[in-house]
Amino acid sequence: PDVIVIDVVEPVYYDQSLLNMSGNMMKDIRDSGVAAGQKYVETVSEQLRKDGINASGVVEMGKPADVIIDYAEKNNVDLIMLCTHGRSGVTRWIFGSVAERILQNAAVPVFMLSLRKMKN
């Protein structure tokens, strides 16, 4: 394919609030994330194909920046295109910047589009 749409589902990390959850609940949460990711990549890939672009979708599990960089290296990707949420301040400190980590560590060019909401 010319375009590969990838969605990365982060694993559910155990902390004190999750200790009482059953293994089945954890699996259900993960499966729900994978199903949403699959729907997303299928929808985007289908729209690209309607526009004449050869596209397919992939859903992976892990830390987004690491998974995207690793996928690009293993699959001879020429360009990584991604949308950023444009977080700043405390939210960026808490969540980090996936886009920044990809930009700093990818072995191929990275094209970024900001999804930051425009202020009126």
N, C-alpha and C. Protein backbone atom coordinates (compact mmCIF):
# COMPACT_ATOMS: atom_id res chain seq x y z
N PRO A 1 0.82 -1.20 0.00
CA PRO A 1 0.00 0.00 0.00
C PRO A 1 0.86 1.27 0.00
N ASP A 2 0.30 2.32 -0.56
CA ASP A 2 0.99 3.61 -0.57
C ASP A 2 0.89 4.30 0.78
N VAL A 3 -0.25 4.10 1.47
CA VAL A 3 -0.47 4.71 2.78
C VAL A 3 -0.89 3.62 3.76
N ILE A 4 -0.27 3.65 4.92
CA ILE A 4 -0.65 2.73 6.00
C ILE A 4 -1.15 3.59 7.15
N VAL A 5 -2.40 3.40 7.50
CA VAL A 5 -3.00 4.12 8.62
C VAL A 5 -2.78 3.24 9.86
N ILE A 6 -2.14 3.81 10.88
CA ILE A 6 -1.85 3.02 12.07
C ILE A 6 -2.47 3.68 13.29
N ASP A 7 -3.07 2.86 14.13
CA ASP A 7 -3.58 3.33 15.41
C ASP A 7 -2.90 2.47 16.48
N VAL A 8 -2.42 3.12 17.52
CA VAL A 8 -1.73 2.41 18.58
C VAL A 8 -2.58 2.47 19.84
N VAL A 9 -2.89 1.29 20.36
CA VAL A 9 -3.67 1.17 21.58
C VAL A 9 -2.70 0.95 22.73
N GLU A 10 -2.74 1.86 23.69
CA GLU A 10 -1.85 1.72 24.84
C GLU A 10 -2.39 0.65 25.77
N PRO A 11 -1.50 -0.19 26.30
CA PRO A 11 -1.94 -1.20 27.26
C PRO A 11 -2.50 -0.52 28.52
N VAL A 12 -3.38 -1.24 29.19
CA VAL A 12 -3.89 -0.75 30.47
C VAL A 12 -2.82 -1.06 31.51
N TYR A 13 -2.31 -0.02 32.12
CA TYR A 13 -1.28 -0.20 33.14
C TYR A 13 -1.94 -0.36 34.50
N TYR A 14 -1.43 -1.29 35.25
CA TYR A 14 -1.98 -1.56 36.57
C TYR A 14 -1.54 -0.50 37.56
N ASP A 15 -2.48 -0.02 38.35
CA ASP A 15 -2.15 0.84 39.47
C ASP A 15 -3.11 0.47 40.60
N GLN A 16 -3.04 1.16 41.69
CA GLN A 16 -3.84 0.82 42.86
C GLN A 16 -5.33 0.77 42.54
N SER A 17 -5.81 1.68 41.70
CA SER A 17 -7.24 1.73 41.39
C SER A 17 -7.70 0.55 40.54
N LEU A 18 -6.78 -0.14 39.90
CA LEU A 18 -7.15 -1.26 39.03
C LEU A 18 -6.93 -2.63 39.67
N LEU A 19 -6.39 -2.66 40.87
CA LEU A 19 -6.06 -3.94 41.49
C LEU A 19 -7.29 -4.82 41.71
N ASN A 20 -8.45 -4.21 41.89
CA ASN A 20 -9.66 -5.00 42.16
C ASN A 20 -10.38 -5.43 40.89
N MET A 21 -9.90 -5.01 39.74
CA MET A 21 -10.55 -5.40 38.48
C MET A 21 -10.17 -6.83 38.13
N SER A 22 -11.13 -7.56 37.61
CA SER A 22 -10.85 -8.93 37.21
C SER A 22 -10.06 -8.95 35.91
N GLY A 23 -9.43 -10.07 35.63
CA GLY A 23 -8.71 -10.24 34.37
C GLY A 23 -9.62 -10.04 33.17
N ASN A 24 -10.88 -10.46 33.30
CA ASN A 24 -11.83 -10.30 32.19
C ASN A 24 -12.14 -8.84 31.93
N MET A 25 -12.24 -8.03 33.00
CA MET A 25 -12.50 -6.61 32.81
C MET A 25 -11.33 -5.95 32.10
N MET A 26 -10.12 -6.32 32.48
CA MET A 26 -8.94 -5.75 31.84
C MET A 26 -8.91 -6.13 30.37
N LYS A 27 -9.25 -7.38 30.07
CA LYS A 27 -9.29 -7.85 28.68
C LYS A 27 -10.37 -7.09 27.91
N ASP A 28 -11.51 -6.87 28.53
CA ASP A 28 -12.59 -6.13 27.87
C ASP A 28 -12.17 -4.70 27.53
N ILE A 29 -11.45 -4.06 28.47
CA ILE A 29 -10.97 -2.69 28.21
C ILE A 29 -10.00 -2.69 27.04
N ARG A 30 -9.07 -3.65 27.03
CA ARG A 30 -8.10 -3.73 25.93
C ARG A 30 -8.82 -4.03 24.61
N ASP A 31 -9.74 -4.99 24.62
CA ASP A 31 -10.46 -5.36 23.41
C ASP A 31 -11.29 -4.20 22.87
N SER A 32 -11.86 -3.40 23.77
CA SER A 32 -12.63 -2.23 23.36
C SER A 32 -11.73 -1.22 22.65
N GLY A 33 -10.53 -1.01 23.18
CA GLY A 33 -9.57 -0.10 22.54
C GLY A 33 -9.15 -0.59 21.18
N VAL A 34 -8.91 -1.88 21.06
CA VAL A 34 -8.51 -2.47 19.78
C VAL A 34 -9.66 -2.36 18.77
N ALA A 35 -10.89 -2.62 19.21
CA ALA A 35 -12.05 -2.53 18.31
C ALA A 35 -12.23 -1.09 17.82
N ALA A 36 -12.07 -0.12 18.72
CA ALA A 36 -12.19 1.30 18.30
C ALA A 36 -11.07 1.65 17.33
N GLY A 37 -9.86 1.18 17.59
CA GLY A 37 -8.74 1.43 16.69
C GLY A 37 -8.97 0.82 15.32
N GLN A 38 -9.51 -0.41 15.31
CA GLN A 38 -9.78 -1.10 14.05
C GLN A 38 -10.83 -0.33 13.24
N LYS A 39 -11.87 0.14 13.92
CA LYS A 39 -12.91 0.91 13.24
C LYS A 39 -12.31 2.19 12.65
N TYR A 40 -11.45 2.85 13.42
CA TYR A 40 -10.81 4.09 12.96
C TYR A 40 -9.97 3.85 11.71
N VAL A 41 -9.07 2.86 11.75
CA VAL A 41 -8.18 2.65 10.60
C VAL A 41 -8.96 2.17 9.38
N GLU A 42 -10.01 1.40 9.59
CA GLU A 42 -10.83 0.96 8.46
C GLU A 42 -11.56 2.14 7.82
N THR A 43 -12.11 3.02 8.65
CA THR A 43 -12.83 4.19 8.14
C THR A 43 -11.90 5.11 7.35
N VAL A 44 -10.75 5.42 7.91
CA VAL A 44 -9.80 6.31 7.24
C VAL A 44 -9.26 5.66 5.97
N SER A 45 -8.91 4.38 6.05
CA SER A 45 -8.38 3.68 4.87
C SER A 45 -9.40 3.63 3.75
N GLU A 46 -10.65 3.37 4.11
CA GLU A 46 -11.71 3.31 3.10
C GLU A 46 -11.89 4.67 2.42
N GLN A 47 -11.85 5.74 3.19
CA GLN A 47 -11.99 7.08 2.60
C GLN A 47 -10.83 7.38 1.66
N LEU A 48 -9.62 7.01 2.07
CA LEU A 48 -8.46 7.21 1.20
C LEU A 48 -8.59 6.42 -0.10
N ARG A 49 -9.06 5.18 0.01
CA ARG A 49 -9.25 4.36 -1.20
C ARG A 49 -10.29 4.98 -2.12
N LYS A 50 -11.36 5.55 -1.54
CA LYS A 50 -12.38 6.24 -2.35
C LYS A 50 -11.77 7.42 -3.10
N ASP A 51 -10.73 8.01 -2.51
CA ASP A 51 -10.04 9.13 -3.14
C ASP A 51 -8.93 8.66 -4.08
N GLY A 52 -8.85 7.34 -4.32
CA GLY A 52 -7.89 6.81 -5.27
C GLY A 52 -6.51 6.50 -4.69
N ILE A 53 -6.41 6.47 -3.37
CA ILE A 53 -5.12 6.19 -2.72
C ILE A 53 -5.12 4.76 -2.22
N ASN A 54 -4.08 4.04 -2.55
CA ASN A 54 -3.93 2.66 -2.09
C ASN A 54 -3.60 2.68 -0.60
N ALA A 55 -4.56 2.31 0.26
CA ALA A 55 -4.37 2.42 1.71
C ALA A 55 -4.82 1.16 2.43
N SER A 56 -4.17 0.92 3.56
CA SER A 56 -4.59 -0.16 4.45
C SER A 56 -4.40 0.31 5.89
N GLY A 57 -4.97 -0.43 6.82
CA GLY A 57 -4.90 -0.04 8.22
C GLY A 57 -4.29 -1.11 9.10
N VAL A 58 -3.67 -0.67 10.18
CA VAL A 58 -3.02 -1.56 11.14
C VAL A 58 -3.31 -1.04 12.54
N VAL A 59 -3.62 -1.95 13.46
CA VAL A 59 -3.76 -1.60 14.87
C VAL A 59 -2.68 -2.35 15.63
N GLU A 60 -1.91 -1.61 16.42
CA GLU A 60 -0.82 -2.19 17.21
C GLU A 60 -1.04 -1.84 18.67
N MET A 61 -0.40 -2.59 19.56
CA MET A 61 -0.45 -2.33 21.00
C MET A 61 0.92 -1.87 21.49
N GLY A 62 0.92 -0.90 22.40
CA GLY A 62 2.17 -0.47 23.00
C GLY A 62 2.19 1.03 23.22
N LYS A 63 3.39 1.55 23.48
CA LYS A 63 3.55 3.00 23.64
C LYS A 63 3.59 3.61 22.24
N PRO A 64 2.70 4.56 21.95
CA PRO A 64 2.55 5.05 20.58
C PRO A 64 3.84 5.44 19.87
N ALA A 65 4.67 6.27 20.48
CA ALA A 65 5.89 6.72 19.79
C ALA A 65 6.79 5.53 19.46
N ASP A 66 6.99 4.65 20.42
CA ASP A 66 7.86 3.50 20.21
C ASP A 66 7.32 2.58 19.11
N VAL A 67 6.01 2.34 19.14
CA VAL A 67 5.40 1.45 18.16
C VAL A 67 5.49 2.04 16.75
N ILE A 68 5.21 3.33 16.62
CA ILE A 68 5.23 3.97 15.29
C ILE A 68 6.65 3.98 14.73
N ILE A 69 7.63 4.32 15.53
CA ILE A 69 9.02 4.33 15.08
C ILE A 69 9.46 2.92 14.69
N ASP A 70 9.14 1.94 15.52
CA ASP A 70 9.51 0.55 15.24
C ASP A 70 8.82 0.04 13.97
N TYR A 71 7.54 0.36 13.82
CA TYR A 71 6.79 -0.08 12.63
C TYR A 71 7.41 0.52 11.37
N ALA A 72 7.74 1.81 11.44
CA ALA A 72 8.34 2.48 10.27
C ALA A 72 9.66 1.82 9.88
N GLU A 73 10.48 1.49 10.86
CA GLU A 73 11.77 0.87 10.58
C GLU A 73 11.61 -0.53 9.99
N LYS A 74 10.72 -1.33 10.56
CA LYS A 74 10.54 -2.72 10.12
C LYS A 74 9.83 -2.84 8.78
N ASN A 75 9.09 -1.81 8.39
CA ASN A 75 8.28 -1.89 7.17
C ASN A 75 8.74 -0.93 6.08
N ASN A 76 9.96 -0.43 6.19
CA ASN A 76 10.54 0.44 5.16
C ASN A 76 9.64 1.62 4.80
N VAL A 77 9.08 2.26 5.81
CA VAL A 77 8.22 3.42 5.61
C VAL A 77 9.09 4.60 5.18
N ASP A 78 8.62 5.35 4.19
CA ASP A 78 9.37 6.49 3.65
C ASP A 78 9.09 7.79 4.39
N LEU A 79 7.89 7.92 4.96
CA LEU A 79 7.47 9.16 5.59
C LEU A 79 6.44 8.84 6.66
N ILE A 80 6.58 9.47 7.82
CA ILE A 80 5.58 9.33 8.88
C ILE A 80 4.77 10.62 8.88
N MET A 81 3.45 10.49 8.74
CA MET A 81 2.55 11.64 8.82
C MET A 81 1.69 11.45 10.06
N LEU A 82 1.62 12.49 10.89
CA LEU A 82 0.81 12.36 12.09
C LEU A 82 0.17 13.67 12.46
N CYS A 83 -0.91 13.55 13.21
CA CYS A 83 -1.61 14.72 13.73
C CYS A 83 -1.24 14.85 15.20
N THR A 84 -1.02 16.08 15.65
CA THR A 84 -0.72 16.31 17.04
C THR A 84 -1.92 16.97 17.71
N HIS A 85 -2.02 16.78 19.00
CA HIS A 85 -3.11 17.39 19.76
C HIS A 85 -2.74 18.79 20.21
N GLY A 86 -1.48 19.16 20.07
CA GLY A 86 -1.05 20.50 20.43
C GLY A 86 -1.12 20.78 21.92
N ARG A 87 -0.85 19.76 22.73
CA ARG A 87 -0.88 19.97 24.18
C ARG A 87 0.28 20.86 24.60
N SER A 88 0.03 21.61 25.65
CA SER A 88 1.10 22.43 26.21
C SER A 88 0.93 22.47 27.72
N GLY A 89 1.90 23.03 28.39
CA GLY A 89 1.82 23.21 29.83
C GLY A 89 1.75 21.90 30.59
N VAL A 90 0.86 21.85 31.57
CA VAL A 90 0.76 20.70 32.46
C VAL A 90 0.35 19.43 31.72
N THR A 91 -0.61 19.53 30.78
CA THR A 91 -1.04 18.32 30.08
C THR A 91 0.09 17.72 29.26
N ARG A 92 0.93 18.57 28.70
CA ARG A 92 2.08 18.04 27.96
C ARG A 92 3.06 17.38 28.91
N TRP A 93 3.26 18.00 30.07
CA TRP A 93 4.17 17.43 31.07
C TRP A 93 3.65 16.08 31.56
N ILE A 94 2.34 15.97 31.78
CA ILE A 94 1.75 14.72 32.28
C ILE A 94 1.76 13.66 31.18
N PHE A 95 1.29 14.01 29.99
CA PHE A 95 1.13 13.02 28.93
C PHE A 95 2.35 12.90 28.02
N GLY A 96 3.24 13.87 28.08
CA GLY A 96 4.38 13.84 27.18
C GLY A 96 3.94 14.20 25.78
N SER A 97 4.87 14.19 24.88
CA SER A 97 4.53 14.51 23.50
C SER A 97 4.96 13.36 22.60
N VAL A 98 3.99 12.59 22.18
CA VAL A 98 4.26 11.48 21.26
C VAL A 98 4.89 12.03 19.99
N ALA A 99 4.32 13.12 19.47
CA ALA A 99 4.83 13.71 18.23
C ALA A 99 6.29 14.11 18.39
N GLU A 100 6.62 14.74 19.51
CA GLU A 100 8.00 15.18 19.73
C GLU A 100 8.96 13.98 19.78
N ARG A 101 8.54 12.92 20.46
CA ARG A 101 9.40 11.73 20.54
C ARG A 101 9.60 11.09 19.17
N ILE A 102 8.55 11.09 18.36
CA ILE A 102 8.67 10.54 17.00
C ILE A 102 9.60 11.42 16.18
N LEU A 103 9.38 12.73 16.24
CA LEU A 103 10.21 13.67 15.49
C LEU A 103 11.68 13.53 15.84
N GLN A 104 11.99 13.37 17.12
CA GLN A 104 13.37 13.29 17.57
C GLN A 104 14.03 11.94 17.29
N ASN A 105 13.23 10.87 17.17
CA ASN A 105 13.82 9.54 17.10
C ASN A 105 13.58 8.77 15.80
N ALA A 106 12.71 9.25 14.95
CA ALA A 106 12.43 8.52 13.71
C ALA A 106 13.60 8.64 12.74
N ALA A 107 13.83 7.57 12.00
CA ALA A 107 14.91 7.55 11.02
C ALA A 107 14.46 8.04 9.65
N VAL A 108 13.17 8.39 9.54
CA VAL A 108 12.62 8.89 8.27
C VAL A 108 12.00 10.26 8.51
N PRO A 109 11.72 11.02 7.46
CA PRO A 109 11.08 12.33 7.64
C PRO A 109 9.71 12.20 8.32
N VAL A 110 9.35 13.23 9.07
CA VAL A 110 8.08 13.26 9.79
C VAL A 110 7.32 14.52 9.38
N PHE A 111 6.07 14.35 8.96
CA PHE A 111 5.18 15.46 8.59
C PHE A 111 4.13 15.54 9.68
N MET A 112 4.01 16.72 10.34
CA MET A 112 3.05 16.86 11.43
C MET A 112 1.99 17.90 11.10
N LEU A 113 0.76 17.60 11.50
CA LEU A 113 -0.36 18.52 11.35
C LEU A 113 -0.95 18.71 12.72
N SER A 114 -1.08 19.95 13.18
CA SER A 114 -1.63 20.22 14.51
C SER A 114 -3.13 20.24 14.49
N LEU A 115 -3.72 19.57 15.49
CA LEU A 115 -5.16 19.57 15.64
C LEU A 115 -5.61 20.51 16.74
N ARG A 116 -4.69 21.37 17.19
CA ARG A 116 -5.04 22.31 18.25
C ARG A 116 -6.24 23.14 17.83
N LYS A 117 -7.17 23.25 18.74
CA LYS A 117 -8.39 24.02 18.44
C LYS A 117 -8.03 25.50 18.29
N MET A 118 -8.58 26.09 17.27
CA MET A 118 -8.33 27.51 17.04
C MET A 118 -9.22 28.29 17.99
N LYS A 119 -8.64 29.34 18.60
CA LYS A 119 -9.40 30.20 19.51
C LYS A 119 -10.06 31.31 18.70
N ASN A 120 -11.29 31.62 19.09
CA ASN A 120 -12.01 32.71 18.42
C ASN A 120 -11.67 34.02 19.02
